[in-house]
Amino acid sequence: VFDAVNGIQYCYVAQNQDDKAIKLIDEFVSKNPGLSFSDQIFFKKGEIYYSQASYEKAKTSYKEFASGYPKSELIADAYYWIGKSAQNLNQFDEAIFNFNRVFDSYPNSELAAASVIEMGNIYNQQKKYDLALAVYDKGSEKLSNSPQIAEILFMRATTYANSGDIINAYQVFDEIVQYHRETVFADRSKFEIGLIEYSARRYDNAVVYLRSLGDSRTDELGAKAQFYLGMSLFEQGKTGEAISAFVRVRTVYSSYGEWLSRSTLMLGDCYIKLKDFEKARQFYRDVIAKHRGDEIGRSAQKKLREIE
């Protein structure tokens, strides 16, 4: 019966007949409140409203679910989605209350870690870094065995960086690299360490982290790392190596427009260093052709005027 009802409501949703799907759910649950899977059917109602971006209705539906099925296996999910709905409505106090309820009352739920991350995101958005750090500290201690522990630690490190505490940020990023190396957050942490080293003008250290990412990743993280590898080499006066790094962005990461254009602009700067002004002009013109009127285009235009 569950598969039949669920299949019918899914067909309604697939045909953009959400009202019929919701009516079906309401009628079925009203007539069969005691069935073992009635909670699963009712839960779909909140999902439909949320997918419509009808967050107030979604929140109301999930609250009705929590009231009607307090012992359901989906109860933690309901409180989480109440929180997400409130968050989308900028009702941040209510969002935090419900995320915290998931974390405190249902620590074994798959959504406990996600709730910690969402609370921290809200506090970061509000620039309440002390509160965000308190949430992440408590979360990393209580959920140390969670599959999402690396993400919690990464957000903790990012919060330190946002607050200006670069020393603690570096330490936590390094912890992720050392102890969670099989996760994407290890590579993201390597990139952040590379940027810290670059900003501190410790270019040799930056090169180590950035080169490893540029060599191993073919996604946007790899593109960013390859660009900043080029910048680190350029700042050291290693113009030939910098050119090779920027050219690699153009050949390996050409689908990432921002990093392609920034690398092309820097190739112009490299050839100015080598006094090959014709090649420099060529790269600046390439940038201008793709970025008329925006910031990088104006920068290329200014550089071009300086050598014409």
Protein backbone atom coordinates (compact mmCIF):
# COMPACT_ATOMS: atom_id res chain seq x y z
CA VAL A 1 0.00 0.00 0.00
CA PHE A 2 2.83 2.40 0.87
CA ASP A 3 4.44 1.92 -2.53
CA ALA A 4 1.12 2.50 -4.28
CA VAL A 5 0.26 5.72 -2.41
CA ASN A 6 3.81 7.00 -2.62
CA GLY A 7 3.91 6.20 -6.34
CA ILE A 8 0.67 8.07 -7.02
CA GLN A 9 1.76 11.18 -5.13
CA TYR A 10 5.12 11.05 -6.91
CA CYS A 11 3.35 10.96 -10.29
CA TYR A 12 1.29 14.01 -9.32
CA VAL A 13 4.45 15.87 -8.32
CA ALA A 14 6.22 14.83 -11.53
CA GLN A 15 3.28 16.31 -13.48
CA ASN A 16 3.45 19.56 -11.46
CA GLN A 17 0.15 18.71 -9.79
CA ASP A 18 1.40 19.31 -6.26
CA ASP A 19 -2.04 20.27 -4.93
CA LYS A 20 -3.41 16.86 -5.92
CA ALA A 21 -0.45 15.14 -4.27
CA ILE A 22 -1.03 17.03 -1.02
CA LYS A 23 -4.77 16.31 -1.14
CA LEU A 24 -4.02 12.60 -1.62
CA ILE A 25 -1.68 12.62 1.37
CA ASP A 26 -4.17 14.44 3.61
CA GLU A 27 -7.03 12.11 2.69
CA PHE A 28 -4.96 8.96 3.09
CA VAL A 29 -3.55 9.93 6.49
CA SER A 30 -6.97 11.09 7.71
CA LYS A 31 -8.48 7.71 6.86
CA ASN A 32 -5.49 5.61 7.97
CA PRO A 33 -3.85 7.41 10.91
CA GLY A 34 -2.69 4.23 12.62
CA LEU A 35 -0.86 2.49 9.80
CA SER A 36 2.80 1.80 10.42
CA PHE A 37 3.85 3.91 7.45
CA SER A 38 1.37 6.79 7.79
CA ASP A 39 4.16 8.95 9.17
CA GLN A 40 6.26 8.36 6.03
CA ILE A 41 3.35 9.40 3.83
CA PHE A 42 2.61 12.51 5.91
CA PHE A 43 6.29 13.51 5.85
CA LYS A 44 6.10 13.79 2.05
CA LYS A 45 3.78 16.77 2.44
CA GLY A 46 6.51 18.90 4.00
CA GLU A 47 8.93 17.76 1.30
CA ILE A 48 6.55 18.94 -1.42
CA TYR A 49 6.08 22.36 0.17
CA TYR A 50 9.82 22.73 0.72
CA SER A 51 10.59 21.83 -2.89
CA GLN A 52 8.12 24.55 -3.95
CA ALA A 53 10.04 27.04 -1.76
CA SER A 54 6.79 27.42 0.22
CA TYR A 55 8.81 27.53 3.42
CA GLU A 56 6.07 28.78 5.74
CA LYS A 57 3.78 25.94 4.65
CA ALA A 58 6.65 23.47 4.87
CA LYS A 59 7.45 24.61 8.39
CA THR A 60 3.81 24.25 9.43
CA SER A 61 3.61 20.78 7.88
CA TYR A 62 6.76 19.56 9.61
CA LYS A 63 5.49 20.95 12.93
CA GLU A 64 2.22 19.08 12.44
CA PHE A 65 4.25 15.96 11.74
CA ALA A 66 6.33 16.41 14.91
CA SER A 67 3.16 16.87 16.95
CA GLY A 68 1.35 13.92 15.38
CA TYR A 69 4.25 11.45 15.21
CA PRO A 70 6.60 12.24 18.12
CA LYS A 71 7.98 8.67 18.16
CA SER A 72 8.53 8.38 14.40
CA GLU A 73 11.97 7.47 13.10
CA LEU A 74 11.68 10.66 11.03
CA ILE A 75 11.25 12.97 14.03
CA ALA A 76 14.83 14.28 13.90
CA ASP A 77 14.39 14.91 10.17
CA ALA A 78 11.23 16.90 10.90
CA TYR A 79 12.97 19.21 13.37
CA TYR A 80 15.88 19.64 10.96
CA TRP A 81 13.56 20.69 8.13
CA ILE A 82 11.65 23.00 10.45
CA GLY A 83 15.04 24.60 11.02
CA LYS A 84 15.85 24.75 7.30
CA SER A 85 12.45 26.25 6.50
CA ALA A 86 12.88 28.88 9.20
CA GLN A 87 16.41 29.60 7.96
CA ASN A 88 15.10 30.25 4.46
CA LEU A 89 12.56 32.65 5.97
CA ASN A 90 15.38 34.49 7.82
CA GLN A 91 13.81 33.37 11.11
CA PHE A 92 17.22 32.58 12.51
CA ASP A 93 16.35 32.19 16.20
CA GLU A 94 13.73 29.56 15.37
CA ALA A 95 16.13 27.87 12.96
CA ILE A 96 18.87 27.64 15.58
CA PHE A 97 16.40 26.37 18.19
CA ASN A 98 15.38 23.46 15.96
CA PHE A 99 18.89 22.65 14.70
CA ASN A 100 20.05 22.60 18.32
CA ARG A 101 17.16 20.30 19.20
CA VAL A 102 18.35 17.79 16.59
CA PHE A 103 21.94 18.01 17.82
CA ASP A 104 21.11 17.73 21.53
CA SER A 105 18.24 15.23 21.43
CA TYR A 106 19.15 13.07 18.43
CA PRO A 107 22.97 12.91 18.30
CA ASN A 108 22.84 9.57 16.48
CA SER A 109 20.79 11.03 13.65
CA GLU A 110 22.51 11.52 10.31
CA LEU A 111 21.31 15.12 10.52
CA ALA A 112 23.00 15.93 13.84
CA ALA A 113 26.22 16.98 12.11
CA ALA A 114 24.31 18.87 9.42
CA SER A 115 22.50 20.76 12.19
CA VAL A 116 25.80 21.78 13.76
CA ILE A 117 27.04 23.03 10.40
CA GLU A 118 23.84 25.00 9.75
CA MET A 119 23.96 26.65 13.19
CA GLY A 120 27.56 27.63 12.58
CA ASN A 121 26.68 29.00 9.15
CA ILE A 122 24.01 31.23 10.65
CA TYR A 123 26.34 32.55 13.34
CA ASN A 124 29.07 33.14 10.73
CA GLN A 125 26.61 35.02 8.56
CA GLN A 126 25.77 37.18 11.58
CA LYS A 127 29.50 37.59 12.34
CA LYS A 128 28.92 36.00 15.77
CA TYR A 129 32.15 34.06 15.54
CA ASP A 130 32.39 33.18 19.23
CA LEU A 131 28.98 31.49 19.09
CA ALA A 132 29.88 29.68 15.87
CA LEU A 133 33.11 28.40 17.40
CA ALA A 134 31.26 27.24 20.51
CA VAL A 135 28.87 25.24 18.32
CA TYR A 136 31.69 23.71 16.28
CA ASP A 137 33.74 22.90 19.38
CA LYS A 138 30.79 21.14 20.99
CA GLY A 139 29.93 19.42 17.72
CA SER A 140 33.44 18.15 17.04
CA GLU A 141 33.62 16.73 20.56
CA LYS A 142 30.19 15.10 20.59
CA LEU A 143 30.25 13.87 16.98
CA SER A 144 33.88 12.82 16.73
CA ASN A 145 32.91 9.59 14.96
CA SER A 146 30.52 11.20 12.49
CA PRO A 147 31.28 10.84 8.77
CA GLN A 148 30.94 14.64 8.66
CA ILE A 149 33.52 15.38 11.35
CA ALA A 150 36.01 16.66 8.75
CA GLU A 151 33.44 19.15 7.49
CA ILE A 152 32.69 20.35 11.02
CA LEU A 153 36.40 20.86 11.64
CA PHE A 154 36.78 22.65 8.29
CA MET A 155 33.98 25.05 9.19
CA ARG A 156 35.60 25.59 12.59
CA ALA A 157 38.89 26.47 10.89
CA THR A 158 37.10 28.76 8.43
CA THR A 159 35.40 30.52 11.34
CA TYR A 160 38.77 31.12 13.00
CA ALA A 161 39.97 32.62 9.71
CA ASN A 162 36.84 34.79 9.40
CA SER A 163 37.45 36.11 12.91
CA GLY A 164 41.07 36.96 12.09
CA ASP A 165 42.58 34.17 14.20
CA ILE A 166 44.90 32.81 11.52
CA ILE A 167 47.08 30.82 13.94
CA ASN A 168 44.19 28.66 15.18
CA ALA A 169 42.77 28.43 11.66
CA TYR A 170 46.09 27.07 10.40
CA GLN A 171 46.26 24.53 13.23
CA VAL A 172 42.79 23.14 12.54
CA PHE A 173 43.35 23.05 8.76
CA ASP A 174 46.56 21.14 9.43
CA GLU A 175 44.71 18.72 11.74
CA ILE A 176 42.29 17.95 8.90
CA VAL A 177 45.15 17.36 6.46
CA GLN A 178 46.87 15.01 8.91
CA TYR A 179 43.92 13.00 10.22
CA HIS A 180 41.20 13.20 7.55
CA ARG A 181 43.29 12.92 4.41
CA GLU A 182 40.79 10.73 2.54
CA THR A 183 38.14 13.48 2.53
CA VAL A 184 37.71 16.42 0.18
CA PHE A 185 38.13 18.67 3.21
CA ALA A 186 41.77 17.59 3.47
CA ASP A 187 42.39 19.02 0.01
CA ARG A 188 40.31 22.11 0.76
CA SER A 189 42.38 22.56 3.91
CA LYS A 190 45.61 22.22 1.93
CA PHE A 191 44.40 25.03 -0.31
CA GLU A 192 43.57 27.25 2.67
CA ILE A 193 46.99 26.58 4.21
CA GLY A 194 48.55 27.41 0.84
CA LEU A 195 46.69 30.74 0.81
CA ILE A 196 47.79 31.51 4.37
CA GLU A 197 51.40 30.80 3.42
CA TYR A 198 51.02 32.89 0.26
CA SER A 199 49.52 35.83 2.17
CA ALA A 200 52.38 35.62 4.69
CA ARG A 201 54.87 35.64 1.77
CA ARG A 202 56.17 32.23 2.72
CA TYR A 203 56.11 31.33 -0.93
CA ASP A 204 58.20 28.15 -0.75
CA ASN A 205 55.72 26.67 1.76
CA ALA A 206 52.78 27.82 -0.35
CA VAL A 207 54.24 26.12 -3.43
CA VAL A 208 54.36 22.74 -1.66
CA TYR A 209 50.66 22.76 -0.79
CA LEU A 210 49.42 24.36 -4.00
CA ARG A 211 51.48 22.22 -6.36
CA SER A 212 50.17 19.01 -4.78
CA LEU A 213 46.60 20.12 -5.46
CA GLY A 214 47.33 21.34 -8.96
CA ASP A 215 48.90 17.98 -9.76
CA SER A 216 46.12 15.85 -8.29
CA ARG A 217 42.82 17.64 -8.95
CA THR A 218 41.07 18.53 -12.19
CA ASP A 219 38.15 20.45 -10.63
CA GLU A 220 37.83 24.13 -9.64
CA LEU A 221 39.84 23.55 -6.48
CA GLY A 222 42.68 22.36 -8.69
CA ALA A 223 42.25 25.41 -10.93
CA LYS A 224 42.47 27.79 -7.98
CA ALA A 225 45.48 25.98 -6.57
CA GLN A 226 47.25 26.05 -9.95
CA PHE A 227 46.60 29.80 -10.27
CA TYR A 228 47.99 30.58 -6.82
CA LEU A 229 50.93 28.29 -7.51
CA GLY A 230 51.67 30.56 -10.45
CA MET A 231 51.27 33.62 -8.23
CA SER A 232 53.66 32.18 -5.62
CA LEU A 233 56.29 31.52 -8.29
CA PHE A 234 55.74 34.96 -9.84
CA GLU A 235 56.23 36.71 -6.50
CA GLN A 236 59.54 34.87 -6.08
CA GLY A 237 60.75 36.15 -9.44
CA LYS A 238 60.60 32.66 -10.97
CA THR A 239 58.97 34.00 -14.11
CA GLY A 240 59.57 30.99 -16.35
CA GLU A 241 58.07 28.59 -13.82
CA ALA A 242 55.18 30.98 -13.25
CA ILE A 243 54.46 31.01 -17.00
CA SER A 244 54.36 27.20 -17.00
CA ALA A 245 51.93 27.23 -14.07
CA PHE A 246 49.60 29.79 -15.67
CA VAL A 247 49.72 28.01 -19.04
CA ARG A 248 48.67 24.82 -17.27
CA VAL A 249 45.52 26.60 -16.06
CA ARG A 250 44.75 27.37 -19.71
CA THR A 251 45.32 23.79 -20.86
CA VAL A 252 43.98 21.71 -17.95
CA TYR A 253 41.36 24.01 -16.39
CA SER A 254 40.04 25.95 -19.38
CA SER A 255 36.42 25.34 -18.33
CA TYR A 256 36.86 27.43 -15.17
CA GLY A 257 36.45 30.89 -16.65
CA GLU A 258 37.51 33.03 -13.70
CA TRP A 259 40.80 31.22 -13.20
CA LEU A 260 41.44 30.98 -16.94
CA SER A 261 41.04 34.75 -17.30
CA ARG A 262 43.08 35.59 -14.21
CA SER A 263 45.86 33.31 -15.43
CA THR A 264 45.78 34.89 -18.89
CA LEU A 265 46.08 38.33 -17.28
CA MET A 266 49.06 37.16 -15.25
CA LEU A 267 50.71 35.71 -18.35
CA GLY A 268 50.69 39.25 -19.70
CA ASP A 269 52.44 40.42 -16.52
CA CYS A 270 54.99 37.61 -16.83
CA TYR A 271 55.92 38.59 -20.37
CA ILE A 272 56.29 42.22 -19.32
CA LYS A 273 58.86 40.99 -16.80
CA LEU A 274 60.64 39.29 -19.72
CA LYS A 275 60.24 42.48 -21.81
CA ASP A 276 58.34 40.57 -24.48
CA PHE A 277 55.73 43.26 -24.91
CA GLU A 278 54.10 41.79 -28.01
CA LYS A 279 53.19 38.57 -26.18
CA ALA A 280 52.02 40.62 -23.20
CA ARG A 281 49.71 42.63 -25.47
CA GLN A 282 48.32 39.43 -26.94
CA PHE A 283 47.33 38.06 -23.52
CA TYR A 284 45.83 41.36 -22.36
CA ARG A 285 43.77 41.57 -25.56
CA ASP A 286 42.54 38.01 -24.98
CA VAL A 287 41.24 39.07 -21.57
CA ILE A 288 39.66 42.28 -22.87
CA ALA A 289 37.82 40.37 -25.60
CA LYS A 290 36.09 38.20 -22.99
CA HIS A 291 35.63 40.77 -20.23
CA ARG A 292 34.49 44.03 -21.73
CA GLY A 293 33.26 46.31 -18.97
CA ASP A 294 34.02 44.19 -15.90
CA GLU A 295 36.82 44.52 -13.37
CA ILE A 296 39.28 42.08 -14.91
CA GLY A 297 38.66 43.57 -18.35
CA ARG A 298 39.35 47.08 -17.05
CA SER A 299 42.55 45.84 -15.41
CA ALA A 300 43.72 44.31 -18.69
CA GLN A 301 42.81 47.52 -20.55
CA LYS A 302 44.86 49.59 -18.12
CA LYS A 303 47.87 47.28 -18.41
CA LEU A 304 47.61 47.32 -22.21
CA ARG A 305 47.57 51.12 -22.32
CA GLU A 306 50.71 51.23 -20.19
CA ILE A 307 52.74 49.34 -22.82
CA GLU A 308 51.28 50.84 -25.99
